[in-house]
C-alpha atoms as a PDB file:
ATOM      1  CA  MET A   1      57.273  15.618 -64.885  1.00  0.00           C
ATOM      2  CA  THR A   2      56.282  16.691 -61.532  1.00  0.00           C
ATOM      3  CA  PHE A   3      57.484  14.765 -58.335  1.00  0.00           C
ATOM      4  CA  ALA A   4      53.938  13.432 -58.002  1.00  0.00           C
ATOM      5  CA  GLY A   5      53.976  12.059 -61.375  1.00  0.00           C
ATOM      6  CA  LEU A   6      57.405  10.526 -60.713  1.00  0.00           C
ATOM      7  CA  VAL A   7      55.748   8.834 -57.558  1.00  0.00           C
ATOM      8  CA  ALA A   8      52.615   7.965 -59.229  1.00  0.00           C
ATOM      9  CA  ALA A   9      54.851   6.001 -61.746  1.00  0.00           C
ATOM     10  CA  GLY A  10      56.831   4.475 -59.434  1.00  0.00           C
ATOM     11  CA  ALA A  11      60.150   6.019 -60.634  1.00  0.00           C
ATOM     12  CA  ALA A  12      61.002   8.653 -57.934  1.00  0.00           C
ATOM     13  CA  PRO A  13      64.488   8.480 -56.872  1.00  0.00           C
ATOM     14  CA  ALA A  14      65.621   8.371 -53.440  1.00  0.00           C
ATOM     15  CA  GLN A  15      66.107  11.893 -52.091  1.00  0.00           C
ATOM     16  CA  ALA A  16      67.694  13.330 -48.765  1.00  0.00           C
ATOM     17  CA  ALA A  17      65.868  15.138 -46.711  1.00  0.00           C
ATOM     18  CA  ALA A  18      67.196  18.521 -45.372  1.00  0.00           C
ATOM     19  CA  PRO A  19      67.135  18.946 -41.918  1.00  0.00           C
ATOM     20  CA  THR A  20      64.070  20.385 -40.199  1.00  0.00           C
ATOM     21  CA  ALA A  21      62.719  20.845 -36.826  1.00  0.00           C
ATOM     22  CA  GLU A  22      59.224  18.981 -37.149  1.00  0.00           C
ATOM     23  CA  TYR A  23      57.228  16.583 -39.068  1.00  0.00           C
ATOM     24  CA  VAL A  24      53.736  16.080 -38.503  1.00  0.00           C
ATOM     25  CA  ALA A  25      51.605  12.922 -39.177  1.00  0.00           C
ATOM     26  CA  LEU A  26      47.957  13.081 -40.264  1.00  0.00           C
ATOM     27  CA  GLY A  27      45.271  11.146 -41.312  1.00  0.00           C
ATOM     28  CA  ASP A  28      43.283   8.114 -40.463  1.00  0.00           C
ATOM     29  CA  SER A  29      43.669   4.469 -39.369  1.00  0.00           C
ATOM     30  CA  TYR A  30      45.903   3.560 -42.015  1.00  0.00           C
ATOM     31  CA  ALA A  31      48.446   6.232 -40.811  1.00  0.00           C
ATOM     32  CA  SER A  32      47.721   5.681 -37.097  1.00  0.00           C
ATOM     33  CA  GLY A  33      48.669   2.167 -37.680  1.00  0.00           C
ATOM     34  CA  VAL A  34      45.610  -0.077 -36.740  1.00  0.00           C
ATOM     35  CA  GLY A  35      46.466  -3.673 -37.261  1.00  0.00           C
ATOM     36  CA  ALA A  36      50.358  -3.095 -36.420  1.00  0.00           C
ATOM     37  CA  GLY A  37      49.742  -3.669 -32.828  1.00  0.00           C
ATOM     38  CA  SER A  38      52.088  -1.818 -29.733  1.00  0.00           C
ATOM     39  CA  TYR A  39      49.669   1.065 -29.597  1.00  0.00           C
ATOM     40  CA  ASP A  40      50.607   4.267 -27.452  1.00  0.00           C
ATOM     41  CA  PRO A  41      48.345   4.113 -24.408  1.00  0.00           C
ATOM     42  CA  ALA A  42      48.264   7.656 -24.463  1.00  0.00           C
ATOM     43  CA  SER A  43      46.382   7.785 -27.906  1.00  0.00           C
ATOM     44  CA  GLY A  44      43.275   6.171 -26.660  1.00  0.00           C
ATOM     45  CA  ASP A  45      40.942   5.312 -29.121  1.00  0.00           C
ATOM     46  CA  CYS A  46      43.014   6.882 -31.715  1.00  0.00           C
ATOM     47  CA  LYS A  47      45.329   3.872 -31.504  1.00  0.00           C
ATOM     48  CA  ARG A  48      48.456   5.151 -32.691  1.00  0.00           C
ATOM     49  CA  SER A  49      50.929   2.535 -33.233  1.00  0.00           C
ATOM     50  CA  THR A  50      54.735   2.848 -32.750  1.00  0.00           C
ATOM     51  CA  LYS A  51      54.914   0.540 -35.613  1.00  0.00           C
ATOM     52  CA  ASN A  52      53.107   3.059 -38.007  1.00  0.00           C
ATOM     53  CA  TYR A  53      54.955   4.593 -40.722  1.00  0.00           C
ATOM     54  CA  PRO A  54      55.181   7.971 -39.487  1.00  0.00           C
ATOM     55  CA  HIS A  55      57.192   6.497 -36.486  1.00  0.00           C
ATOM     56  CA  LEU A  56      59.353   4.179 -38.621  1.00  0.00           C
ATOM     57  CA  TRP A  57      60.435   6.925 -41.054  1.00  0.00           C
ATOM     58  CA  ALA A  58      61.141   9.445 -38.080  1.00  0.00           C
ATOM     59  CA  ALA A  59      63.382   6.737 -36.347  1.00  0.00           C
ATOM     60  CA  ALA A  60      65.588   6.725 -39.277  1.00  0.00           C
ATOM     61  CA  ASN A  61      65.719  10.125 -39.554  1.00  0.00           C
ATOM     62  CA  PRO A  62      66.251  11.519 -36.094  1.00  0.00           C
ATOM     63  CA  GLU A  63      66.991  15.297 -37.257  1.00  0.00           C
ATOM     64  CA  TYR A  64      62.899  15.464 -37.555  1.00  0.00           C
ATOM     65  CA  THR A  65      60.946  15.603 -34.099  1.00  0.00           C
ATOM     66  CA  LEU A  66      57.707  13.613 -35.153  1.00  0.00           C
ATOM     67  CA  LYS A  67      54.241  15.093 -34.009  1.00  0.00           C
ATOM     68  CA  ASP A  68      51.788  12.467 -34.800  1.00  0.00           C
ATOM     69  CA  ALA A  69      48.153  13.698 -35.032  1.00  0.00           C
ATOM     70  CA  THR A  70      46.459  10.682 -36.590  1.00  0.00           C
ATOM     71  CA  CYS A  71      43.560   9.044 -35.360  1.00  0.00           C
ATOM     72  CA  SER A  72      41.526   5.729 -36.169  1.00  0.00           C
ATOM     73  CA  GLY A  73      38.401   6.392 -37.762  1.00  0.00           C
ATOM     74  CA  ALA A  74      39.494   9.923 -39.033  1.00  0.00           C
ATOM     75  CA  LYS A  75      37.268  11.538 -41.913  1.00  0.00           C
ATOM     76  CA  ILE A  76      38.305  14.781 -43.863  1.00  0.00           C
ATOM     77  CA  ALA A  77      36.347  17.149 -41.695  1.00  0.00           C
ATOM     78  CA  ASP A  78      38.051  15.324 -38.216  1.00  0.00           C
ATOM     79  CA  VAL A  79      41.604  16.510 -39.654  1.00  0.00           C
ATOM     80  CA  ARG A  80      40.539  19.546 -40.170  1.00  0.00           C
ATOM     81  CA  THR A  81      38.883  20.122 -37.104  1.00  0.00           C
ATOM     82  CA  ASN A  82      40.907  17.944 -34.756  1.00  0.00           C
ATOM     83  CA  GLN A  83      44.193  17.555 -36.298  1.00  0.00           C
ATOM     84  CA  LEU A  84      45.376  20.598 -38.436  1.00  0.00           C
ATOM     85  CA  SER A  85      46.240  22.600 -35.059  1.00  0.00           C
ATOM     86  CA  ALA A  86      49.428  20.257 -34.775  1.00  0.00           C
ATOM     87  CA  LEU A  87      50.866  22.358 -37.736  1.00  0.00           C
ATOM     88  CA  LYS A  88      53.126  25.532 -37.722  1.00  0.00           C
ATOM     89  CA  PRO A  89      54.323  27.848 -40.104  1.00  0.00           C
ATOM     90  CA  THR A  90      57.601  26.032 -39.328  1.00  0.00           C
ATOM     91  CA  THR A  91      56.291  22.287 -39.880  1.00  0.00           C
ATOM     92  CA  GLY A  92      59.125  21.192 -42.588  1.00  0.00           C
ATOM     93  CA  LEU A  93      57.145  17.865 -43.349  1.00  0.00           C
ATOM     94  CA  VAL A  94      53.679  16.481 -43.369  1.00  0.00           C
ATOM     95  CA  THR A  95      52.226  13.218 -44.275  1.00  0.00           C
ATOM     96  CA  LEU A  96      48.614  12.608 -44.522  1.00  0.00           C
ATOM     97  CA  THR A  97      46.389   9.672 -45.660  1.00  0.00           C
ATOM     98  CA  VAL A  98      42.581  10.298 -45.656  1.00  0.00           C
ATOM     99  CA  GLY A  99      39.157   9.802 -47.459  1.00  0.00           C
ATOM    100  CA  GLY A 100      38.647   6.156 -46.952  1.00  0.00           C
ATOM    101  CA  ASN A 101      36.111   6.950 -44.086  1.00  0.00           C
ATOM    102  CA  ASP A 102      34.398   9.479 -45.941  1.00  0.00           C
ATOM    103  CA  ALA A 103      34.116   7.149 -48.792  1.00  0.00           C
ATOM    104  CA  GLN A 104      32.435   4.362 -46.258  1.00  0.00           C
ATOM    105  CA  PHE A 105      35.194   1.897 -46.426  1.00  0.00           C
ATOM    106  CA  ALA A 106      33.783   0.345 -43.107  1.00  0.00           C
ATOM    107  CA  PRO A 107      30.350  -0.253 -44.344  1.00  0.00           C
ATOM    108  CA  VAL A 108      31.577  -1.373 -47.996  1.00  0.00           C
ATOM    109  CA  VAL A 109      33.485  -4.116 -46.058  1.00  0.00           C
ATOM    110  CA  GLU A 110      30.737  -5.056 -43.946  1.00  0.00           C
ATOM    111  CA  ALA A 111      28.315  -5.248 -47.354  1.00  0.00           C
ATOM    112  CA  CYS A 112      31.177  -7.541 -49.143  1.00  0.00           C
ATOM    113  CA  LEU A 113      31.703  -9.651 -46.299  1.00  0.00           C
ATOM    114  CA  THR A 114      27.894 -10.489 -45.513  1.00  0.00           C
ATOM    115  CA  LYS A 115      25.684  -9.814 -48.670  1.00  0.00           C
ATOM    116  CA  ASP A 116      26.315 -11.363 -52.297  1.00  0.00           C
ATOM    117  CA  ASP A 117      28.456 -10.433 -54.950  1.00  0.00           C
ATOM    118  CA  SER A 118      25.564  -8.225 -56.946  1.00  0.00           C
ATOM    119  CA  TYR A 119      25.402  -6.337 -53.304  1.00  0.00           C
ATOM    120  CA  CYS A 120      29.049  -5.847 -52.851  1.00  0.00           C
ATOM    121  CA  GLU A 121      29.414  -4.498 -56.394  1.00  0.00           C
ATOM    122  CA  THR A 122      26.583  -1.896 -56.031  1.00  0.00           C
ATOM    123  CA  ALA A 123      28.138  -0.951 -52.675  1.00  0.00           C
ATOM    124  CA  THR A 124      31.459  -0.193 -54.365  1.00  0.00           C
ATOM    125  CA  THR A 125      30.119   1.520 -57.913  1.00  0.00           C
ATOM    126  CA  TRP A 126      28.901   4.114 -55.436  1.00  0.00           C
ATOM    127  CA  THR A 127      31.288   4.756 -53.044  1.00  0.00           C
ATOM    128  CA  SER A 128      33.838   4.482 -56.037  1.00  0.00           C
ATOM    129  CA  TYR A 129      31.811   7.585 -57.851  1.00  0.00           C
ATOM    130  CA  TYR A 130      32.230   9.556 -54.839  1.00  0.00           C
ATOM    131  CA  ALA A 131      35.922   8.860 -54.489  1.00  0.00           C
ATOM    132  CA  ARG A 132      36.574  10.044 -58.095  1.00  0.00           C
ATOM    133  CA  ASN A 133      34.376  13.173 -57.892  1.00  0.00           C
ATOM    134  CA  GLN A 134      33.046  14.798 -54.451  1.00  0.00           C
ATOM    135  CA  MET A 135      36.128  13.479 -52.665  1.00  0.00           C
ATOM    136  CA  VAL A 136      38.496  15.100 -54.760  1.00  0.00           C
ATOM    137  CA  ASP A 137      37.175  18.539 -54.076  1.00  0.00           C
ATOM    138  CA  GLU A 138      36.847  17.846 -50.281  1.00  0.00           C
ATOM    139  CA  LEU A 139      40.528  16.680 -50.269  1.00  0.00           C
ATOM    140  CA  THR A 140      41.877  19.558 -52.896  1.00  0.00           C
ATOM    141  CA  GLY A 141      40.292  21.699 -49.977  1.00  0.00           C
ATOM    142  CA  LEU A 142      41.987  20.045 -47.092  1.00  0.00           C
ATOM    143  CA  TYR A 143      45.575  19.844 -48.960  1.00  0.00           C
ATOM    144  CA  LYS A 144      45.139  23.729 -49.547  1.00  0.00           C
ATOM    145  CA  ASP A 145      44.335  24.332 -45.807  1.00  0.00           C
ATOM    146  CA  ILE A 146      47.734  22.255 -45.031  1.00  0.00           C
ATOM    147  CA  LYS A 147      49.742  24.458 -47.119  1.00  0.00           C
ATOM    148  CA  ALA A 148      48.339  27.794 -45.985  1.00  0.00           C
ATOM    149  CA  ARG A 149      48.993  26.578 -42.437  1.00  0.00           C
ATOM    150  CA  SER A 150      52.719  25.101 -43.163  1.00  0.00           C
ATOM    151  CA  PRO A 151      53.492  26.736 -46.536  1.00  0.00           C
ATOM    152  CA  LYS A 152      57.379  25.727 -46.025  1.00  0.00           C
ATOM    153  CA  ALA A 153      56.393  22.213 -45.645  1.00  0.00           C
ATOM    154  CA  VAL A 154      56.922  18.911 -48.262  1.00  0.00           C
ATOM    155  CA  ILE A 155      53.521  17.485 -48.080  1.00  0.00           C
ATOM    156  CA  LEU A 156      53.219  13.986 -49.126  1.00  0.00           C
ATOM    157  CA  VAL A 157      49.817  12.068 -49.373  1.00  0.00           C
ATOM    158  CA  PHE A 158      50.149   8.773 -48.978  1.00  0.00           C
ATOM    159  CA  GLY A 159      47.056   6.476 -51.040  1.00  0.00           C
ATOM    160  CA  TYR A 160      45.906   3.181 -50.138  1.00  0.00           C
ATOM    161  CA  PRO A 161      46.697   0.078 -51.285  1.00  0.00           C
ATOM    162  CA  LYS A 162      44.398  -2.893 -52.828  1.00  0.00           C
ATOM    163  CA  ALA A 163      43.600  -4.835 -49.712  1.00  0.00           C
ATOM    164  CA  LEU A 164      42.689  -8.245 -51.556  1.00  0.00           C
ATOM    165  CA  SER A 165      45.014 -10.707 -53.093  1.00  0.00           C
ATOM    166  CA  THR A 166      43.043 -11.952 -56.437  1.00  0.00           C
ATOM    167  CA  THR A 167      43.929 -15.716 -55.347  1.00  0.00           C
ATOM    168  CA  GLY A 168      44.261 -17.497 -51.928  1.00  0.00           C
ATOM    169  CA  ALA A 169      41.623 -18.595 -49.528  1.00  0.00           C
ATOM    170  CA  CYS A 170      40.235 -15.863 -47.246  1.00  0.00           C
ATOM    171  CA  ALA A 171      39.000 -17.431 -43.494  1.00  0.00           C
ATOM    172  CA  PRO A 172      36.867 -17.361 -41.891  1.00  0.00           C
ATOM    173  CA  ILE A 173      34.795 -15.628 -44.561  1.00  0.00           C
ATOM    174  CA  GLU A 174      35.341 -16.320 -48.104  1.00  0.00           C
ATOM    175  CA  LEU A 175      35.534 -13.949 -50.930  1.00  0.00           C
ATOM    176  CA  SER A 176      34.618 -14.319 -54.190  1.00  0.00           C
ATOM    177  CA  SER A 177      36.679 -13.350 -57.175  1.00  0.00           C
ATOM    178  CA  ARG A 178      33.856 -11.038 -57.959  1.00  0.00           C
ATOM    179  CA  LYS A 179      33.842  -9.284 -54.527  1.00  0.00           C
ATOM    180  CA  ARG A 180      37.705  -9.191 -54.329  1.00  0.00           C
ATOM    181  CA  THR A 181      37.449  -7.385 -58.005  1.00  0.00           C
ATOM    182  CA  ALA A 182      35.130  -4.659 -56.957  1.00  0.00           C
ATOM    183  CA  MET A 183      36.688  -4.101 -53.715  1.00  0.00           C
ATOM    184  CA  ASN A 184      40.141  -3.637 -55.402  1.00  0.00           C
ATOM    185  CA  GLY A 185      38.493  -1.285 -57.917  1.00  0.00           C
ATOM    186  CA  PHE A 186      37.142   0.608 -54.971  1.00  0.00           C
ATOM    187  CA  ALA A 187      40.793   0.953 -53.664  1.00  0.00           C
ATOM    188  CA  ASP A 188      41.542   2.143 -57.342  1.00  0.00           C
ATOM    189  CA  ALA A 189      39.136   4.654 -57.132  1.00  0.00           C
ATOM    190  CA  LEU A 190      40.571   6.056 -53.817  1.00  0.00           C
ATOM    191  CA  ALA A 191      44.076   6.305 -55.297  1.00  0.00           C
ATOM    192  CA  GLU A 192      42.578   8.372 -58.345  1.00  0.00           C
ATOM    193  CA  GLY A 193      40.465  10.588 -56.422  1.00  0.00           C
ATOM    194  CA  SER A 194      43.638  11.320 -53.817  1.00  0.00           C
ATOM    195  CA  ALA A 195      45.984  11.717 -57.020  1.00  0.00           C
ATOM    196  CA  LYS A 196      43.784  14.119 -58.531  1.00  0.00           C
ATOM    197  CA  ALA A 197      43.327  15.917 -55.489  1.00  0.00           C
ATOM    198  CA  ALA A 198      47.180  16.414 -55.009  1.00  0.00           C
ATOM    199  CA  VAL A 199      47.589  17.555 -58.564  1.00  0.00           C
ATOM    200  CA  ASN A 200      44.749  20.242 -57.963  1.00  0.00           C
ATOM    201  CA  ALA A 201      46.629  21.487 -54.797  1.00  0.00           C
ATOM    202  CA  SER A 202      50.030  21.035 -55.881  1.00  0.00           C
ATOM    203  CA  VAL A 203      51.105  18.480 -53.001  1.00  0.00           C
ATOM    204  CA  TYR A 204      52.958  15.079 -53.768  1.00  0.00           C
ATOM    205  CA  PHE A 205      50.842  11.678 -54.032  1.00  0.00           C
ATOM    206  CA  VAL A 206      52.823   8.513 -53.101  1.00  0.00           C
ATOM    207  CA  ASP A 207      50.740   5.898 -54.710  1.00  0.00           C
ATOM    208  CA  MET A 208      50.731   2.520 -52.691  1.00  0.00           C
ATOM    209  CA  ARG A 209      49.379   0.139 -55.025  1.00  0.00           C
ATOM    210  CA  LYS A 210      52.228  -1.353 -56.733  1.00  0.00           C
ATOM    211  CA  ARG A 211      54.506  -1.367 -53.306  1.00  0.00           C
ATOM    212  CA  PHE A 212      51.608  -3.822 -51.971  1.00  0.00           C
ATOM    213  CA  GLY A 213      51.345  -5.797 -54.990  1.00  0.00           C
ATOM    214  CA  GLY A 214      51.417  -9.610 -54.200  1.00  0.00           C
ATOM    215  CA  HIS A 215      50.657  -8.957 -50.682  1.00  0.00           C
ATOM    216  CA  GLY A 216      47.128  -8.497 -50.371  1.00  0.00           C
ATOM    217  CA  ALA A 217      45.245 -10.269 -47.855  1.00  0.00           C
ATOM    218  CA  CYS A 218      44.192 -13.882 -48.357  1.00  0.00           C
ATOM    219  CA  GLY A 219      47.427 -14.455 -50.543  1.00  0.00           C
ATOM    220  CA  THR A 220      50.836 -16.331 -49.056  1.00  0.00           C
ATOM    221  CA  ASP A 221      52.549 -13.374 -48.004  1.00  0.00           C
ATOM    222  CA  PRO A 222      49.907 -10.657 -46.593  1.00  0.00           C
ATOM    223  CA  TRP A 223      50.994  -7.320 -45.735  1.00  0.00           C
ATOM    224  CA  VAL A 224      47.279  -6.580 -45.125  1.00  0.00           C
ATOM    225  CA  HIS A 225      44.955  -8.276 -42.514  1.00  0.00           C
ATOM    226  CA  GLY A 226      42.244 -10.439 -43.515  1.00  0.00           C
ATOM    227  CA  VAL A 227      38.986 -10.739 -41.541  1.00  0.00           C
ATOM    228  CA  ASN A 228      40.506 -10.108 -37.883  1.00  0.00           C
ATOM    229  CA  LEU A 229      38.254 -11.592 -35.338  1.00  0.00           C
ATOM    230  CA  GLY A 230      40.449 -10.528 -32.562  1.00  0.00           C
ATOM    231  CA  GLU A 231      40.590  -6.748 -33.647  1.00  0.00           C
ATOM    232  CA  SER A 232      37.833  -6.100 -35.830  1.00  0.00           C
ATOM    233  CA  ALA A 233      38.989  -2.620 -36.529  1.00  0.00           C
ATOM    234  CA  ALA A 234      42.164  -4.318 -38.171  1.00  0.00           C
ATOM    235  CA  THR A 235      40.152  -5.994 -40.827  1.00  0.00           C
ATOM    236  CA  PHE A 236      41.781  -4.961 -44.311  1.00  0.00           C
ATOM    237  CA  HIS A 237      44.295  -2.895 -43.024  1.00  0.00           C
ATOM    238  CA  PRO A 238      48.295  -3.036 -43.144  1.00  0.00           C
ATOM    239  CA  ASN A 239      49.943  -5.622 -40.400  1.00  0.00           C
ATOM    240  CA  ALA A 240      53.176  -4.390 -38.967  1.00  0.00           C
ATOM    241  CA  VAL A 241      54.858  -5.898 -42.056  1.00  0.00           C
ATOM    242  CA  GLY A 242      52.702  -3.867 -44.125  1.00  0.00           C
ATOM    243  CA  GLN A 243      53.530  -0.713 -42.310  1.00  0.00           C
ATOM    244  CA  GLU A 244      57.329  -1.463 -42.467  1.00  0.00           C
ATOM    245  CA  LYS A 245      57.969  -2.965 -45.868  1.00  0.00           C
ATOM    246  CA  GLY A 246      55.305  -1.252 -47.473  1.00  0.00           C
ATOM    247  CA  TYR A 247      54.484   1.991 -46.347  1.00  0.00           C
ATOM    248  CA  ALA A 248      57.692   3.076 -44.590  1.00  0.00           C
ATOM    249  CA  ALA A 249      60.068   1.856 -46.905  1.00  0.00           C
ATOM    250  CA  LYS A 250      58.013   3.466 -49.711  1.00  0.00           C
ATOM    251  CA  PHE A 251      58.497   6.893 -47.416  1.00  0.00           C
ATOM    252  CA  LEU A 252      62.079   6.011 -47.065  1.00  0.00           C
ATOM    253  CA  ALA A 253      62.750   5.709 -50.751  1.00  0.00           C
ATOM    254  CA  THR A 254      60.549   8.603 -51.735  1.00  0.00           C
ATOM    255  CA  TRP A 255      61.812  11.114 -48.982  1.00  0.00           C
ATOM    256  CA  GLY A 256      64.681  10.052 -46.947  1.00  0.00           C
END
């Protein structure tokens, strides 16, 4: 079984990373740490948190120098245009979370929060189709571009978790069981599309759905924000605990 298959199955053994000069983090708001707070002022609208999973992993592995190129709102094309310049032929480790914005994450969330069950289900059906089809080709191309720029690097693609608990009250906007099922199904589509692209490009996919199980928004021990009126961009994004116990813990267990 490939390393990607082991990770997807949740059975990958911890593996010590060889000393290397550089770790480059790429991706969108899930990678930059929107929702975790402690944003680096120098990152501006990219909202890179010092509590995001790249920083937490790098703190535990000081032999690596982190170059955090992540940026809130990034799409696949933005990573290619604005972030790949951070890569070098000598880069030893690359992580990436991207694709959700291409699959219309924010419009889907808005639709499910403001429209009826049927509208939410229709919106997630369309975006899930994209995630399992066109997005696969787009991500495959991006992963191959990363490999071309940094041929010696280990490339880990971190997926998205299911954002919602199936039980518990959501405030201030309640979400029906149908809406929660539809939105979590959309997360499944994103994970499946990203995993397929990882296989196509021969990079490693790290599935986050099981790790976040029981810790969705609206549940009793959420690692994901519900509707966040104080920071709307953080809605259905991992909180600081989700970055630490979810992403960073999985990262450390997988590679480090």
